[in-house]
């Protein structure tokens, strides 16, 4: 599970990452990444709209994405904010499919930043 210090909580932080960050899209998720340069751990935020499905489905997708990000935390540079927006196809995706999409995008965005 992703602990509170590693999560985005303010709407202004979400907007900043989505508008100014680099973006990578996949079939199931769209990942935005913004390097802030601050000396702190990476933070993750999740956007799962009602188009994804019912509340049960949305919460399942959110829990899976949090688990994927908890595993990827060590590979994301310090001071980075990441927002992951789930697309409707994520409702039927398995954990491994979501993990593959997120990890591919995080790797691609890290290369852009380097």
Protein backbone atom coordinates (compact mmCIF):
# COMPACT_ATOMS: atom_id res chain seq x y z
CA UNK A 1 0.00 0.00 0.00
CA UNK A 2 1.13 3.55 -0.68
CA UNK A 3 1.65 5.51 2.56
CA UNK A 4 0.31 9.05 2.98
CA UNK A 5 3.66 10.90 2.50
CA UNK A 6 3.88 9.38 -0.97
CA UNK A 7 0.45 10.60 -2.16
CA UNK A 8 -0.70 13.86 -3.71
CA UNK A 9 -3.54 15.32 -1.67
CA UNK A 10 -4.19 18.85 -2.92
CA UNK A 11 -6.11 19.66 -6.10
CA UNK A 12 -3.61 22.38 -7.00
CA UNK A 13 -0.81 19.78 -7.05
CA UNK A 14 -2.86 17.56 -9.38
CA UNK A 15 -3.53 20.47 -11.76
CA UNK A 16 0.13 21.50 -11.80
CA UNK A 17 1.33 18.00 -12.69
CA UNK A 18 -1.33 17.42 -15.37
CA UNK A 19 -0.86 20.82 -17.02
CA UNK A 20 2.93 21.24 -16.82
CA UNK A 21 4.21 17.68 -16.59
CA UNK A 22 5.33 15.29 -19.28
CA UNK A 23 2.70 12.82 -20.39
CA UNK A 24 2.75 9.21 -21.54
CA UNK A 25 -0.38 7.41 -22.67
CA UNK A 26 -1.26 3.77 -22.85
CA UNK A 27 -4.32 1.67 -23.52
CA UNK A 28 -5.38 1.64 -19.86
CA UNK A 29 -3.73 4.64 -18.15
CA UNK A 30 -2.33 8.09 -18.89
CA UNK A 31 0.66 9.00 -16.73
CA UNK A 32 1.85 12.58 -16.12
CA UNK A 33 5.16 13.31 -14.39
CA UNK A 34 6.61 16.59 -13.10
CA UNK A 35 10.00 16.98 -11.43
CA UNK A 36 9.81 19.69 -8.77
CA UNK A 37 13.43 19.64 -7.62
CA UNK A 38 12.38 19.49 -3.97
CA UNK A 39 14.24 17.27 -1.53
CA UNK A 40 11.47 14.81 -0.67
CA UNK A 41 10.17 11.43 -1.73
CA UNK A 42 8.18 11.00 -4.93
CA UNK A 43 4.41 11.48 -4.64
CA UNK A 44 1.64 9.79 -6.61
CA UNK A 45 -1.94 10.81 -7.35
CA UNK A 46 -4.75 8.92 -9.04
CA UNK A 47 -7.68 10.08 -11.15
CA UNK A 48 -10.37 7.47 -11.68
CA UNK A 49 -13.56 8.88 -13.20
CA UNK A 50 -17.03 7.36 -13.22
CA UNK A 51 -16.45 6.32 -16.84
CA UNK A 52 -14.22 3.55 -15.48
CA UNK A 53 -17.16 1.86 -13.77
CA UNK A 54 -19.10 1.54 -10.56
CA UNK A 55 -17.62 2.52 -7.18
CA UNK A 56 -16.50 -1.05 -6.55
CA UNK A 57 -14.66 -1.20 -9.87
CA UNK A 58 -13.09 2.24 -9.41
CA UNK A 59 -11.82 1.36 -5.94
CA UNK A 60 -10.39 -1.92 -7.21
CA UNK A 61 -8.52 -0.06 -9.97
CA UNK A 62 -7.28 2.53 -7.45
CA UNK A 63 -5.99 -0.15 -5.06
CA UNK A 64 -4.19 -1.93 -7.89
CA UNK A 65 -2.59 1.33 -9.08
CA UNK A 66 -1.49 2.17 -5.52
CA UNK A 67 0.17 -1.25 -5.21
CA UNK A 68 1.94 -0.79 -8.56
CA UNK A 69 3.23 2.63 -7.50
CA UNK A 70 4.39 1.34 -4.11
CA UNK A 71 6.55 -1.19 -5.96
CA UNK A 72 7.86 1.48 -8.37
CA UNK A 73 8.63 4.04 -5.65
CA UNK A 74 12.35 3.24 -5.53
CA UNK A 75 12.72 3.77 -9.30
CA UNK A 76 11.09 7.22 -9.39
CA UNK A 77 13.50 10.15 -8.84
CA UNK A 78 13.34 12.16 -5.63
CA UNK A 79 11.11 15.25 -5.74
CA UNK A 80 8.91 13.92 -8.55
CA UNK A 81 5.12 14.14 -8.68
CA UNK A 82 3.21 11.56 -10.73
CA UNK A 83 -0.50 11.58 -11.62
CA UNK A 84 -2.05 8.45 -13.13
CA UNK A 85 -5.42 8.78 -14.85
CA UNK A 86 -7.26 5.51 -15.37
CA UNK A 87 -9.05 5.02 -18.67
CA UNK A 88 -12.23 2.91 -19.03
CA UNK A 89 -10.17 -0.07 -20.29
CA UNK A 90 -8.49 -0.27 -16.88
CA UNK A 91 -11.71 -1.66 -15.40
CA UNK A 92 -11.18 -5.03 -17.09
CA UNK A 93 -7.37 -5.05 -16.89
CA UNK A 94 -5.50 -7.43 -14.65
CA UNK A 95 -2.92 -6.29 -12.11
CA UNK A 96 -0.07 -7.36 -14.38
CA UNK A 97 -1.48 -5.41 -17.34
CA UNK A 98 -1.84 -2.24 -15.23
CA UNK A 99 1.65 -2.77 -13.84
CA UNK A 100 3.13 -3.15 -17.32
CA UNK A 101 1.44 0.06 -18.56
CA UNK A 102 2.47 2.14 -15.55
CA UNK A 103 6.06 0.86 -15.47
CA UNK A 104 6.47 1.43 -19.21
CA UNK A 105 5.28 5.02 -18.87
CA UNK A 106 7.40 5.70 -15.77
CA UNK A 107 10.47 4.39 -17.58
CA UNK A 108 9.74 6.43 -20.67
CA UNK A 109 9.10 9.62 -18.69
CA UNK A 110 12.27 9.12 -16.62
CA UNK A 111 14.26 8.98 -19.87
CA UNK A 112 12.66 12.24 -21.03
CA UNK A 113 13.66 13.91 -17.75
CA UNK A 114 17.26 12.61 -17.88
